PDB file of N, CA and C in Angstrom:
ATOM      1  N   MET A   1     -49.277  42.980 -11.398  1.00  0.00           N
ATOM      2  CA  MET A   1     -49.800  41.655 -11.045  1.00  0.00           C
ATOM      3  C   MET A   1     -49.190  40.543 -11.953  1.00  0.00           C
ATOM      4  N   ASN A   2     -49.220  40.860 -13.235  1.00  0.00           N
ATOM      5  CA  ASN A   2     -48.750  39.919 -14.149  1.00  0.00           C
ATOM      6  C   ASN A   2     -47.277  39.715 -14.154  1.00  0.00           C
ATOM      7  N   SER A   3     -46.553  40.791 -13.810  1.00  0.00           N
ATOM      8  CA  SER A   3     -45.069  40.694 -13.734  1.00  0.00           C
ATOM      9  C   SER A   3     -44.699  39.911 -12.449  1.00  0.00           C
ATOM     10  N   THR A   4     -45.381  40.054 -11.398  1.00  0.00           N
ATOM     11  CA  THR A   4     -45.143  39.268 -10.129  1.00  0.00           C
ATOM     12  C   THR A   4     -45.421  37.775 -10.414  1.00  0.00           C
ATOM     13  N   ARG A   5     -46.473  37.476 -11.149  1.00  0.00           N
ATOM     14  CA  ARG A   5     -46.737  36.102 -11.459  1.00  0.00           C
ATOM     15  C   ARG A   5     -45.623  35.497 -12.364  1.00  0.00           C
ATOM     16  N   SER A   6     -45.272  36.286 -13.299  1.00  0.00           N
ATOM     17  CA  SER A   6     -44.200  35.824 -14.228  1.00  0.00           C
ATOM     18  C   SER A   6     -42.882  35.595 -13.394  1.00  0.00           C
ATOM     19  N   LEU A   7     -42.595  36.483 -12.500  1.00  0.00           N
ATOM     20  CA  LEU A   7     -41.423  36.333 -11.645  1.00  0.00           C
ATOM     21  C   LEU A   7     -41.483  34.970 -10.827  1.00  0.00           C
ATOM     22  N   TRP A   8     -42.595  34.736 -10.232  1.00  0.00           N
ATOM     23  CA  TRP A   8     -42.770  33.473  -9.458  1.00  0.00           C
ATOM     24  C   TRP A   8     -42.607  32.238 -10.403  1.00  0.00           C
ATOM     25  N   ILE A   9     -43.200  32.258 -11.562  1.00  0.00           N
ATOM     26  CA  ILE A   9     -43.108  31.123 -12.505  1.00  0.00           C
ATOM     27  C   ILE A   9     -41.647  30.945 -12.936  1.00  0.00           C
ATOM     28  N   PHE A  10     -40.988  32.048 -13.291  1.00  0.00           N
ATOM     29  CA  PHE A  10     -39.583  31.978 -13.657  1.00  0.00           C
ATOM     30  C   PHE A  10     -38.716  31.410 -12.515  1.00  0.00           C
ATOM     31  N   SER A  11     -38.970  31.877 -11.233  1.00  0.00           N
ATOM     32  CA  SER A  11     -38.230  31.415 -10.103  1.00  0.00           C
ATOM     33  C   SER A  11     -38.434  29.914  -9.892  1.00  0.00           C
ATOM     34  N   LEU A  12     -39.633  29.457 -10.041  1.00  0.00           N
ATOM     35  CA  LEU A  12     -39.967  28.053  -9.819  1.00  0.00           C
ATOM     36  C   LEU A  12     -39.349  27.205 -10.900  1.00  0.00           C
ATOM     37  N   LEU A  13     -39.389  27.650 -12.176  1.00  0.00           N
ATOM     38  CA  LEU A  13     -38.762  26.886 -13.282  1.00  0.00           C
ATOM     39  C   LEU A  13     -37.258  26.855 -13.041  1.00  0.00           C
ATOM     40  N   ALA A  14     -36.605  27.973 -12.643  1.00  0.00           N
ATOM     41  CA  ALA A  14     -35.164  28.015 -12.424  1.00  0.00           C
ATOM     42  C   ALA A  14     -34.799  27.053 -11.254  1.00  0.00           C
ATOM     43  N   LEU A  15     -35.645  27.003 -10.242  1.00  0.00           N
ATOM     44  CA  LEU A  15     -35.312  26.072  -9.112  1.00  0.00           C
ATOM     45  C   LEU A  15     -35.422  24.656  -9.535  1.00  0.00           C
ATOM     46  N   LEU A  16     -36.516  24.275 -10.307  1.00  0.00           N
ATOM     47  CA  LEU A  16     -36.671  22.941 -10.830  1.00  0.00           C
ATOM     48  C   LEU A  16     -35.547  22.524 -11.761  1.00  0.00           C
ATOM     49  N   LEU A  17     -35.150  23.492 -12.639  1.00  0.00           N
ATOM     50  CA  LEU A  17     -33.999  23.128 -13.483  1.00  0.00           C
ATOM     51  C   LEU A  17     -32.683  22.932 -12.765  1.00  0.00           C
ATOM     52  N   GLY A  18     -32.475  23.780 -11.713  1.00  0.00           N
ATOM     53  CA  GLY A  18     -31.289  23.576 -10.925  1.00  0.00           C
ATOM     54  C   GLY A  18     -31.263  22.257 -10.158  1.00  0.00           C
ATOM     55  N   ILE A  19     -32.414  21.890  -9.634  1.00  0.00           N
ATOM     56  CA  ILE A  19     -32.534  20.644  -8.911  1.00  0.00           C
ATOM     57  C   ILE A  19     -32.311  19.491  -9.889  1.00  0.00           C
ATOM     58  N   GLY A  20     -32.827  19.554 -11.095  1.00  0.00           N
ATOM     59  CA  GLY A  20     -32.632  18.517 -12.196  1.00  0.00           C
ATOM     60  C   GLY A  20     -31.243  18.410 -12.586  1.00  0.00           C
ATOM     61  N   ILE A  21     -30.546  19.514 -12.809  1.00  0.00           N
ATOM     62  CA  ILE A  21     -29.121  19.552 -13.158  1.00  0.00           C
ATOM     63  C   ILE A  21     -28.235  18.928 -12.070  1.00  0.00           C
ATOM     64  N   GLY A  22     -28.566  19.350 -10.839  1.00  0.00           N
ATOM     65  CA  GLY A  22     -27.771  18.787  -9.651  1.00  0.00           C
ATOM     66  C   GLY A  22     -27.993  17.267  -9.593  1.00  0.00           C
ATOM     67  N   ILE A  23     -29.141  16.735  -9.693  1.00  0.00           N
ATOM     68  CA  ILE A  23     -29.464  15.328  -9.620  1.00  0.00           C
ATOM     69  C   ILE A  23     -28.740  14.644 -10.748  1.00  0.00           C
ATOM     70  N   ALA A  24     -28.782  15.139 -11.989  1.00  0.00           N
ATOM     71  CA  ALA A  24     -28.161  14.508 -13.137  1.00  0.00           C
ATOM     72  C   ALA A  24     -26.651  14.458 -12.899  1.00  0.00           C
ATOM     73  N   TYR A  25     -26.099  15.568 -12.393  1.00  0.00           N
ATOM     74  CA  TYR A  25     -24.660  15.668 -12.172  1.00  0.00           C
ATOM     75  C   TYR A  25     -24.259  14.644 -11.060  1.00  0.00           C
ATOM     76  N   GLY A  26     -25.055  14.494 -10.030  1.00  0.00           N
ATOM     77  CA  GLY A  26     -24.689  13.540  -8.899  1.00  0.00           C
ATOM     78  C   GLY A  26     -24.920  12.106  -9.311  1.00  0.00           C
ATOM     79  N   TRP A  27     -25.823  11.845 -10.190  1.00  0.00           N
ATOM     80  CA  TRP A  27     -26.074  10.412 -10.551  1.00  0.00           C
ATOM     81  C   TRP A  27     -25.292   9.953 -11.763  1.00  0.00           C
ATOM     82  N   TYR A  28     -25.038  10.841 -12.684  1.00  0.00           N
ATOM     83  CA  TYR A  28     -24.473  10.398 -13.966  1.00  0.00           C
ATOM     84  C   TYR A  28     -23.035  10.922 -14.203  1.00  0.00           C
ATOM     85  N   VAL A  29     -22.812  12.156 -13.931  1.00  0.00           N
ATOM     86  CA  VAL A  29     -21.532  12.753 -14.241  1.00  0.00           C
ATOM     87  C   VAL A  29     -20.479  12.368 -13.202  1.00  0.00           C
ATOM     88  N   ASP A  30     -20.757  12.568 -11.968  1.00  0.00           N
ATOM     89  CA  ASP A  30     -19.791  12.324 -10.880  1.00  0.00           C
ATOM     90  C   ASP A  30     -20.435  11.634  -9.658  1.00  0.00           C
ATOM     91  N   PRO A  31     -20.847  10.369  -9.866  1.00  0.00           N
ATOM     92  CA  PRO A  31     -21.463   9.665  -8.727  1.00  0.00           C
ATOM     93  C   PRO A  31     -20.449   9.402  -7.611  1.00  0.00           C
ATOM     94  N   VAL A  32     -20.903   9.123  -6.466  1.00  0.00           N
ATOM     95  CA  VAL A  32     -19.981   8.795  -5.357  1.00  0.00           C
ATOM     96  C   VAL A  32     -19.543   7.353  -5.562  1.00  0.00           C
ATOM     97  N   ASP A  33     -18.263   7.161  -5.469  1.00  0.00           N
ATOM     98  CA  ASP A  33     -17.681   5.793  -5.569  1.00  0.00           C
ATOM     99  C   ASP A  33     -17.132   5.406  -4.249  1.00  0.00           C
ATOM    100  N   TYR A  34     -17.593   4.292  -3.753  1.00  0.00           N
ATOM    101  CA  TYR A  34     -17.048   3.744  -2.478  1.00  0.00           C
ATOM    102  C   TYR A  34     -16.104   2.550  -2.873  1.00  0.00           C
ATOM    103  N   PHE A  35     -14.849   2.577  -2.576  1.00  0.00           N
ATOM    104  CA  PHE A  35     -13.926   1.534  -2.823  1.00  0.00           C
ATOM    105  C   PHE A  35     -12.834   1.524  -1.772  1.00  0.00           C
ATOM    106  N   ASP A  36     -12.242   0.381  -1.631  1.00  0.00           N
ATOM    107  CA  ASP A  36     -11.148   0.179  -0.701  1.00  0.00           C
ATOM    108  C   ASP A  36     -11.635   0.470   0.740  1.00  0.00           C
ATOM    109  N   LEU A  37     -12.871   0.112   1.020  1.00  0.00           N
ATOM    110  CA  LEU A  37     -13.440   0.277   2.370  1.00  0.00           C
ATOM    111  C   LEU A  37     -13.258  -1.013   3.137  1.00  0.00           C
ATOM    112  N   THR A  38     -12.945  -0.897   4.384  1.00  0.00           N
ATOM    113  CA  THR A  38     -12.748  -2.068   5.265  1.00  0.00           C
ATOM    114  C   THR A  38     -14.082  -2.603   5.756  1.00  0.00           C
ATOM    115  N   PRO A  39     -14.174  -3.895   6.044  1.00  0.00           N
ATOM    116  CA  PRO A  39     -15.446  -4.418   6.565  1.00  0.00           C
ATOM    117  C   PRO A  39     -15.965  -3.815   7.857  1.00  0.00           C
ATOM    118  N   ASP A  40     -15.015  -3.258   8.665  1.00  0.00           N
ATOM    119  CA  ASP A  40     -15.554  -2.667   9.912  1.00  0.00           C
ATOM    120  C   ASP A  40     -16.323  -1.435   9.671  1.00  0.00           C
ATOM    121  N   THR A  41     -16.437  -0.926   8.422  1.00  0.00           N
ATOM    122  CA  THR A  41     -17.283   0.191   8.140  1.00  0.00           C
ATOM    123  C   THR A  41     -18.745  -0.227   7.850  1.00  0.00           C
ATOM    124  N   LEU A  42     -19.020  -1.529   7.946  1.00  0.00           N
ATOM    125  CA  LEU A  42     -20.367  -1.952   7.664  1.00  0.00           C
ATOM    126  C   LEU A  42     -21.293  -1.563   8.810  1.00  0.00           C
ATOM    127  N   ARG A  43     -22.578  -1.436   8.459  1.00  0.00           N
ATOM    128  CA  ARG A  43     -23.568  -1.161   9.476  1.00  0.00           C
ATOM    129  C   ARG A  43     -23.710  -2.277  10.424  1.00  0.00           C
ATOM    130  N   PRO A  44     -24.120  -2.110  11.693  1.00  0.00           N
ATOM    131  CA  PRO A  44     -24.221  -3.241  12.622  1.00  0.00           C
ATOM    132  C   PRO A  44     -25.095  -4.376  12.188  1.00  0.00           C
ATOM    133  N   ASP A  45     -26.159  -4.049  11.438  1.00  0.00           N
ATOM    134  CA  ASP A  45     -27.012  -5.208  10.994  1.00  0.00           C
ATOM    135  C   ASP A  45     -26.250  -6.020   9.972  1.00  0.00           C
ATOM    136  N   PHE A  46     -25.498  -5.466   9.097  1.00  0.00           N
ATOM    137  CA  PHE A  46     -24.692  -6.299   8.197  1.00  0.00           C
ATOM    138  C   PHE A  46     -23.605  -7.060   8.888  1.00  0.00           C
ATOM    139  N   LYS A  47     -22.985  -6.441   9.900  1.00  0.00           N
ATOM    140  CA  LYS A  47     -21.990  -7.200  10.665  1.00  0.00           C
ATOM    141  C   LYS A  47     -22.637  -8.366  11.321  1.00  0.00           C
ATOM    142  N   ALA A  48     -23.781  -8.183  11.925  1.00  0.00           N
ATOM    143  CA  ALA A  48     -24.509  -9.302  12.555  1.00  0.00           C
ATOM    144  C   ALA A  48     -24.840 -10.403  11.517  1.00  0.00           C
ATOM    145  N   ASP A  49     -25.283  -9.981  10.364  1.00  0.00           N
ATOM    146  CA  ASP A  49     -25.544 -10.957   9.318  1.00  0.00           C
ATOM    147  C   ASP A  49     -24.277 -11.755   8.932  1.00  0.00           C
ATOM    148  N   TYR A  50     -23.086 -11.082   8.916  1.00  0.00           N
ATOM    149  CA  TYR A  50     -21.846 -11.771   8.555  1.00  0.00           C
ATOM    150  C   TYR A  50     -21.531 -12.779   9.683  1.00  0.00           C
ATOM    151  N   VAL A  51     -21.743 -12.323  10.935  1.00  0.00           N
ATOM    152  CA  VAL A  51     -21.497 -13.281  12.065  1.00  0.00           C
ATOM    153  C   VAL A  51     -22.414 -14.480  11.884  1.00  0.00           C
ATOM    154  N   LEU A  52     -23.656 -14.236  11.518  1.00  0.00           N
ATOM    155  CA  LEU A  52     -24.634 -15.328  11.342  1.00  0.00           C
ATOM    156  C   LEU A  52     -24.136 -16.244  10.247  1.00  0.00           C
ATOM    157  N   MET A  53     -23.710 -15.726   9.106  1.00  0.00           N
ATOM    158  CA  MET A  53     -23.152 -16.550   8.055  1.00  0.00           C
ATOM    159  C   MET A  53     -21.921 -17.357   8.483  1.00  0.00           C
ATOM    160  N   THR A  54     -21.040 -16.734   9.252  1.00  0.00           N
ATOM    161  CA  THR A  54     -19.916 -17.418   9.803  1.00  0.00           C
ATOM    162  C   THR A  54     -20.423 -18.578  10.732  1.00  0.00           C
ATOM    163  N   ALA A  55     -21.387 -18.283  11.551  1.00  0.00           N
ATOM    164  CA  ALA A  55     -21.938 -19.328  12.423  1.00  0.00           C
ATOM    165  C   ALA A  55     -22.566 -20.486  11.680  1.00  0.00           C
ATOM    166  N   GLU A  56     -23.134 -20.240  10.549  1.00  0.00           N
ATOM    167  CA  GLU A  56     -23.775 -21.246   9.735  1.00  0.00           C
ATOM    168  C   GLU A  56     -22.649 -22.095   9.085  1.00  0.00           C
ATOM    169  N   ALA A  57     -21.572 -21.469   8.658  1.00  0.00           N
ATOM    170  CA  ALA A  57     -20.458 -22.168   8.085  1.00  0.00           C
ATOM    171  C   ALA A  57     -19.739 -22.981   9.154  1.00  0.00           C
ATOM    172  N   TYR A  58     -19.594 -22.415  10.401  1.00  0.00           N
ATOM    173  CA  TYR A  58     -19.037 -23.202  11.489  1.00  0.00           C
ATOM    174  C   TYR A  58     -19.868 -24.423  11.811  1.00  0.00           C
ATOM    175  N   ARG A  59     -21.156 -24.323  11.756  1.00  0.00           N
ATOM    176  CA  ARG A  59     -21.940 -25.470  12.078  1.00  0.00           C
ATOM    177  C   ARG A  59     -21.665 -26.684  11.163  1.00  0.00           C
ATOM    178  N   VAL A  60     -21.335 -26.349   9.900  1.00  0.00           N
ATOM    179  CA  VAL A  60     -20.956 -27.465   8.932  1.00  0.00           C
ATOM    180  C   VAL A  60     -19.500 -27.827   9.142  1.00  0.00           C
ATOM    181  N   GLU A  61     -18.578 -26.903   9.232  1.00  0.00           N
ATOM    182  CA  GLU A  61     -17.124 -27.262   9.206  1.00  0.00           C
ATOM    183  C   GLU A  61     -16.574 -27.596  10.477  1.00  0.00           C
ATOM    184  N   GLN A  62     -17.177 -27.111  11.603  1.00  0.00           N
ATOM    185  CA  GLN A  62     -16.668 -27.353  13.005  1.00  0.00           C
ATOM    186  C   GLN A  62     -15.177 -26.936  13.100  1.00  0.00           C
ATOM    187  N   ASP A  63     -14.807 -25.839  12.553  1.00  0.00           N
ATOM    188  CA  ASP A  63     -13.295 -25.403  12.646  1.00  0.00           C
ATOM    189  C   ASP A  63     -13.348 -23.990  13.181  1.00  0.00           C
ATOM    190  N   PRO A  64     -13.108 -23.871  14.514  1.00  0.00           N
ATOM    191  CA  PRO A  64     -13.135 -22.541  15.154  1.00  0.00           C
ATOM    192  C   PRO A  64     -12.020 -21.600  14.573  1.00  0.00           C
ATOM    193  N   GLY A  65     -10.944 -22.220  14.243  1.00  0.00           N
ATOM    194  CA  GLY A  65      -9.789 -21.425  13.684  1.00  0.00           C
ATOM    195  C   GLY A  65     -10.220 -20.729  12.370  1.00  0.00           C
ATOM    196  N   LEU A  66     -10.891 -21.440  11.514  1.00  0.00           N
ATOM    197  CA  LEU A  66     -11.358 -20.810  10.238  1.00  0.00           C
ATOM    198  C   LEU A  66     -12.428 -19.764  10.556  1.00  0.00           C
ATOM    199  N   ALA A  67     -13.296 -20.028  11.511  1.00  0.00           N
ATOM    200  CA  ALA A  67     -14.345 -19.056  11.840  1.00  0.00           C
ATOM    201  C   ALA A  67     -13.683 -17.833  12.434  1.00  0.00           C
ATOM    202  N   ALA A  68     -12.636 -17.985  13.184  1.00  0.00           N
ATOM    203  CA  ALA A  68     -11.906 -16.826  13.770  1.00  0.00           C
ATOM    204  C   ALA A  68     -11.267 -16.051  12.675  1.00  0.00           C
ATOM    205  N   ARG A  69     -10.657 -16.666  11.725  1.00  0.00           N
ATOM    206  CA  ARG A  69     -10.076 -15.945  10.612  1.00  0.00           C
ATOM    207  C   ARG A  69     -11.134 -15.172   9.808  1.00  0.00           C
ATOM    208  N   ARG A  70     -12.312 -15.722   9.625  1.00  0.00           N
ATOM    209  CA  ARG A  70     -13.382 -15.073   8.962  1.00  0.00           C
ATOM    210  C   ARG A  70     -13.793 -13.834   9.692  1.00  0.00           C
ATOM    211  N   LEU A  71     -13.845 -13.870  10.996  1.00  0.00           N
ATOM    212  CA  LEU A  71     -14.291 -12.697  11.762  1.00  0.00           C
ATOM    213  C   LEU A  71     -13.165 -11.716  12.018  1.00  0.00           C
ATOM    214  N   ALA A  72     -11.953 -12.108  11.839  1.00  0.00           N
ATOM    215  CA  ALA A  72     -10.774 -11.249  12.095  1.00  0.00           C
ATOM    216  C   ALA A  72     -10.737 -10.026  11.138  1.00  0.00           C
ATOM    217  N   ILE A  73     -11.535 -10.092  10.043  1.00  0.00           N
ATOM    218  CA  ILE A  73     -11.529  -8.939   9.107  1.00  0.00           C
ATOM    219  C   ILE A  73     -12.131  -7.767   9.667  1.00  0.00           C
ATOM    220  N   PHE A  74     -12.813  -7.831  10.879  1.00  0.00           N
ATOM    221  CA  PHE A  74     -13.508  -6.668  11.403  1.00  0.00           C
ATOM    222  C   PHE A  74     -12.567  -5.852  12.325  1.00  0.00           C
ATOM    223  N   GLY A  75     -11.262  -6.034  12.354  1.00  0.00           N
ATOM    224  CA  GLY A  75     -10.437  -5.212  13.118  1.00  0.00           C
ATOM    225  C   GLY A  75      -9.669  -5.749  14.286  1.00  0.00           C
ATOM    226  N   THR A  76      -9.490  -5.026  15.276  1.00  0.00           N
ATOM    227  CA  THR A  76      -8.513  -5.380  16.281  1.00  0.00           C
ATOM    228  C   THR A  76      -9.229  -6.177  17.454  1.00  0.00           C
ATOM    229  N   LYS A  77     -10.524  -6.221  17.539  1.00  0.00           N
ATOM    230  CA  LYS A  77     -11.182  -6.980  18.576  1.00  0.00           C
ATOM    231  C   LYS A  77     -10.979  -8.497  18.320  1.00  0.00           C
ATOM    232  N   SER A  78     -11.045  -9.233  19.413  1.00  0.00           N
ATOM    233  CA  SER A  78     -10.945 -10.681  19.273  1.00  0.00           C
ATOM    234  C   SER A  78     -12.157 -11.237  18.481  1.00  0.00           C
ATOM    235  N   PRO A  79     -11.976 -12.328  17.847  1.00  0.00           N
ATOM    236  CA  PRO A  79     -13.100 -12.982  17.072  1.00  0.00           C
ATOM    237  C   PRO A  79     -14.278 -13.315  17.987  1.00  0.00           C
ATOM    238  N   SER A  80     -14.004 -13.704  19.203  1.00  0.00           N
ATOM    239  CA  SER A  80     -15.076 -14.036  20.131  1.00  0.00           C
ATOM    240  C   SER A  80     -15.888 -12.822  20.521  1.00  0.00           C
ATOM    241  N   ALA A  81     -15.175 -11.626  20.682  1.00  0.00           N
ATOM    242  CA  ALA A  81     -15.850 -10.380  21.023  1.00  0.00           C
ATOM    243  C   ALA A  81     -16.624  -9.951  19.815  1.00  0.00           C
ATOM    244  N   ILE A  82     -16.131 -10.067  18.605  1.00  0.00           N
ATOM    245  CA  ILE A  82     -16.912  -9.719  17.437  1.00  0.00           C
ATOM    246  C   ILE A  82     -18.192 -10.523  17.276  1.00  0.00           C
ATOM    247  N   ALA A  83     -18.104 -11.843  17.536  1.00  0.00           N
ATOM    248  CA  ALA A  83     -19.235 -12.772  17.451  1.00  0.00           C
ATOM    249  C   ALA A  83     -20.250 -12.330  18.623  1.00  0.00           C
ATOM    250  N   ALA A  84     -19.677 -12.019  19.755  1.00  0.00           N
ATOM    251  CA  ALA A  84     -20.567 -11.667  20.891  1.00  0.00           C
ATOM    252  C   ALA A  84     -21.391 -10.384  20.554  1.00  0.00           C
ATOM    253  N   ASP A  85     -20.684  -9.427  19.906  1.00  0.00           N
ATOM    254  CA  ASP A  85     -21.362  -8.218  19.480  1.00  0.00           C
ATOM    255  C   ASP A  85     -22.514  -8.550  18.577  1.00  0.00           C
ATOM    256  N   GLY A  86     -22.211  -9.411  17.602  1.00  0.00           N
ATOM    257  CA  GLY A  86     -23.249  -9.807  16.662  1.00  0.00           C
ATOM    258  C   GLY A  86     -24.414 -10.574  17.371  1.00  0.00           C
ATOM    259  N   LEU A  87     -24.095 -11.294  18.329  1.00  0.00           N
ATOM    260  CA  LEU A  87     -25.163 -11.983  19.116  1.00  0.00           C
ATOM    261  C   LEU A  87     -25.978 -11.048  19.894  1.00  0.00           C
ATOM    262  N   VAL A  88     -25.414 -10.090  20.506  1.00  0.00           N
ATOM    263  CA  VAL A  88     -26.115  -9.062  21.220  1.00  0.00           C
ATOM    264  C   VAL A  88     -27.108  -8.253  20.245  1.00  0.00           C
ATOM    265  N   TYR A  89     -26.562  -7.929  19.087  1.00  0.00           N
ATOM    266  CA  TYR A  89     -27.436  -7.290  18.094  1.00  0.00           C
ATOM    267  C   TYR A  89     -28.600  -8.153  17.650  1.00  0.00           C
ATOM    268  N   ALA A  90     -28.259  -9.417  17.428  1.00  0.00           N
ATOM    269  CA  ALA A  90     -29.289 -10.408  16.960  1.00  0.00           C
ATOM    270  C   ALA A  90     -30.457 -10.518  17.984  1.00  0.00           C
ATOM    271  N   ARG A  91     -30.056 -10.621  19.277  1.00  0.00           N
ATOM    272  CA  ARG A  91     -31.038 -10.745  20.344  1.00  0.00           C
ATOM    273  C   ARG A  91     -31.866  -9.502  20.460  1.00  0.00           C
ATOM    274  N   ALA A  92     -31.279  -8.317  20.237  1.00  0.00           N
ATOM    275  CA  ALA A  92     -31.970  -7.078  20.471  1.00  0.00           C
ATOM    276  C   ALA A  92     -32.848  -6.736  19.216  1.00  0.00           C
ATOM    277  N   ASN A  93     -32.643  -7.372  18.089  1.00  0.00           N
ATOM    278  CA  ASN A  93     -33.335  -6.953  16.849  1.00  0.00           C
ATOM    279  C   ASN A  93     -34.115  -8.043  16.268  1.00  0.00           C
ATOM    280  N   GLY A  94     -34.509  -9.014  17.022  1.00  0.00           N
ATOM    281  CA  GLY A  94     -35.535  -9.982  16.521  1.00  0.00           C
ATOM    282  C   GLY A  94     -35.069 -11.064  15.562  1.00  0.00           C
ATOM    283  N   PHE A  95     -33.765 -11.441  15.614  1.00  0.00           N
ATOM    284  CA  PHE A  95     -33.340 -12.596  14.861  1.00  0.00           C
ATOM    285  C   PHE A  95     -34.088 -13.785  15.346  1.00  0.00           C
ATOM    286  N   SER A  96     -34.220 -14.795  14.486  1.00  0.00           N
ATOM    287  CA  SER A  96     -34.976 -16.040  14.868  1.00  0.00           C
ATOM    288  C   SER A  96     -34.195 -16.764  16.025  1.00  0.00           C
ATOM    289  N   ASN A  97     -34.941 -17.552  16.717  1.00  0.00           N
ATOM    290  CA  ASN A  97     -34.297 -18.380  17.810  1.00  0.00           C
ATOM    291  C   ASN A  97     -33.273 -19.314  17.268  1.00  0.00           C
ATOM    292  N   ALA A  98     -33.461 -19.892  16.113  1.00  0.00           N
ATOM    293  CA  ALA A  98     -32.490 -20.702  15.518  1.00  0.00           C
ATOM    294  C   ALA A  98     -31.189 -20.029  15.186  1.00  0.00           C
ATOM    295  N   ASP A  99     -31.324 -18.788  14.681  1.00  0.00           N
ATOM    296  CA  ASP A  99     -30.126 -17.998  14.291  1.00  0.00           C
ATOM    297  C   ASP A  99     -29.441 -17.604  15.523  1.00  0.00           C
ATOM    298  N   VAL A 100     -30.111 -17.130  16.596  1.00  0.00           N
ATOM    299  CA  VAL A 100     -29.483 -16.821  17.847  1.00  0.00           C
ATOM    300  C   VAL A 100     -28.707 -18.007  18.400  1.00  0.00           C
ATOM    301  N   THR A 101     -29.292 -19.221  18.431  1.00  0.00           N
ATOM    302  CA  THR A 101     -28.685 -20.365  18.876  1.00  0.00           C
ATOM    303  C   THR A 101     -27.423 -20.685  18.118  1.00  0.00           C
ATOM    304  N   LEU A 102     -27.486 -20.523  16.846  1.00  0.00           N
ATOM    305  CA  LEU A 102     -26.214 -20.784  15.969  1.00  0.00           C
ATOM    306  C   LEU A 102     -25.190 -19.760  16.419  1.00  0.00           C
ATOM    307  N   MET A 103     -25.520 -18.503  16.586  1.00  0.00           N
ATOM    308  CA  MET A 103     -24.471 -17.511  16.959  1.00  0.00           C
ATOM    309  C   MET A 103     -23.980 -17.773  18.327  1.00  0.00           C
ATOM    310  N   GLN A 104     -24.783 -18.203  19.235  1.00  0.00           N
ATOM    311  CA  GLN A 104     -24.379 -18.585  20.582  1.00  0.00           C
ATOM    312  C   GLN A 104     -23.388 -19.678  20.581  1.00  0.00           C
ATOM    313  N   GLU A 105     -23.636 -20.681  19.749  1.00  0.00           N
ATOM    314  CA  GLU A 105     -22.725 -21.828  19.642  1.00  0.00           C
ATOM    315  C   GLU A 105     -21.341 -21.364  19.129  1.00  0.00           C
ATOM    316  N   LEU A 106     -21.394 -20.438  18.168  1.00  0.00           N
ATOM    317  CA  LEU A 106     -20.094 -19.868  17.603  1.00  0.00           C
ATOM    318  C   LEU A 106     -19.421 -19.079  18.694  1.00  0.00           C
ATOM    319  N   VAL A 107     -20.105 -18.282  19.513  1.00  0.00           N
ATOM    320  CA  VAL A 107     -19.382 -17.480  20.461  1.00  0.00           C
ATOM    321  C   VAL A 107     -18.742 -18.430  21.524  1.00  0.00           C
ATOM    322  N   THR A 108     -19.476 -19.489  21.944  1.00  0.00           N
ATOM    323  CA  THR A 108     -18.984 -20.399  22.895  1.00  0.00           C
ATOM    324  C   THR A 108     -17.715 -21.063  22.344  1.00  0.00           C
ATOM    325  N   ALA A 109     -17.786 -21.547  21.067  1.00  0.00           N
ATOM    326  CA  ALA A 109     -16.706 -22.262  20.479  1.00  0.00           C
ATOM    327  C   ALA A 109     -15.465 -21.305  20.377  1.00  0.00           C
ATOM    328  N   LEU A 110     -15.687 -20.082  19.961  1.00  0.00           N
ATOM    329  CA  LEU A 110     -14.559 -19.152  19.799  1.00  0.00           C
ATOM    330  C   LEU A 110     -13.983 -18.789  21.186  1.00  0.00           C
ATOM    331  N   GLN A 111     -14.796 -18.732  22.183  1.00  0.00           N
ATOM    332  CA  GLN A 111     -14.249 -18.420  23.606  1.00  0.00           C
ATOM    333  C   GLN A 111     -13.413 -19.619  24.054  1.00  0.00           C
ATOM    334  N   ALA A 112     -13.799 -20.856  23.777  1.00  0.00           N
ATOM    335  CA  ALA A 112     -13.110 -22.019  24.137  1.00  0.00           C
ATOM    336  C   ALA A 112     -11.807 -22.058  23.316  1.00  0.00           C
ATOM    337  N   TRP A 113     -11.885 -21.768  22.025  1.00  0.00           N
ATOM    338  CA  TRP A 113     -10.766 -21.811  21.132  1.00  0.00           C
ATOM    339  C   TRP A 113      -9.698 -20.751  21.542  1.00  0.00           C
ATOM    340  N   SER A 114     -10.170 -19.534  21.810  1.00  0.00           N
ATOM    341  CA  SER A 114      -9.157 -18.543  22.196  1.00  0.00           C
ATOM    342  C   SER A 114      -8.489 -18.835  23.564  1.00  0.00           C
ATOM    343  N   GLY A 115      -9.264 -19.592  24.416  1.00  0.00           N
ATOM    344  CA  GLY A 115      -8.682 -20.023  25.739  1.00  0.00           C
ATOM    345  C   GLY A 115      -7.602 -21.038  25.488  1.00  0.00           C
ATOM    346  N   ILE A 116      -7.702 -21.906  24.492  1.00  0.00           N
ATOM    347  CA  ILE A 116      -6.716 -22.880  24.178  1.00  0.00           C
ATOM    348  C   ILE A 116      -5.434 -22.191  23.649  1.00  0.00           C
ATOM    349  N   LEU A 117      -5.599 -21.116  22.929  1.00  0.00           N
ATOM    350  CA  LEU A 117      -4.413 -20.419  22.401  1.00  0.00           C
ATOM    351  C   LEU A 117      -3.606 -19.680  23.479  1.00  0.00           C
ATOM    352  N   GLN A 118      -4.226 -19.320  24.567  1.00  0.00           N
ATOM    353  CA  GLN A 118      -3.504 -18.517  25.529  1.00  0.00           C
ATOM    354  C   GLN A 118      -2.762 -19.286  26.526  1.00  0.00           C
TER     355      GLN A 118
END
């Protein structure tokens, strides 16, 4: 009886020690480093926030070309499509009406701007 109890205590302590060493190694010795990542790896909520920030800047600057360059970092899609994706996410996830309106104005401006270029 006593040796079974000692075995369980030893096993539990060994397990806890292993977990502690693993956590220490992962956090301090060799933590994960994320670098040289492209913006298109962002989560959809962060992409929508970036589109919103671009829309806020567009409201002040009224320069669709600059807004398009800001959104072009997300890859091969057109800036108006990127802004439209952000708008769809914003509507589906409870962004405020003011934010949705700003993003809609940006989408409209980028669609008109890209039509001028073609």
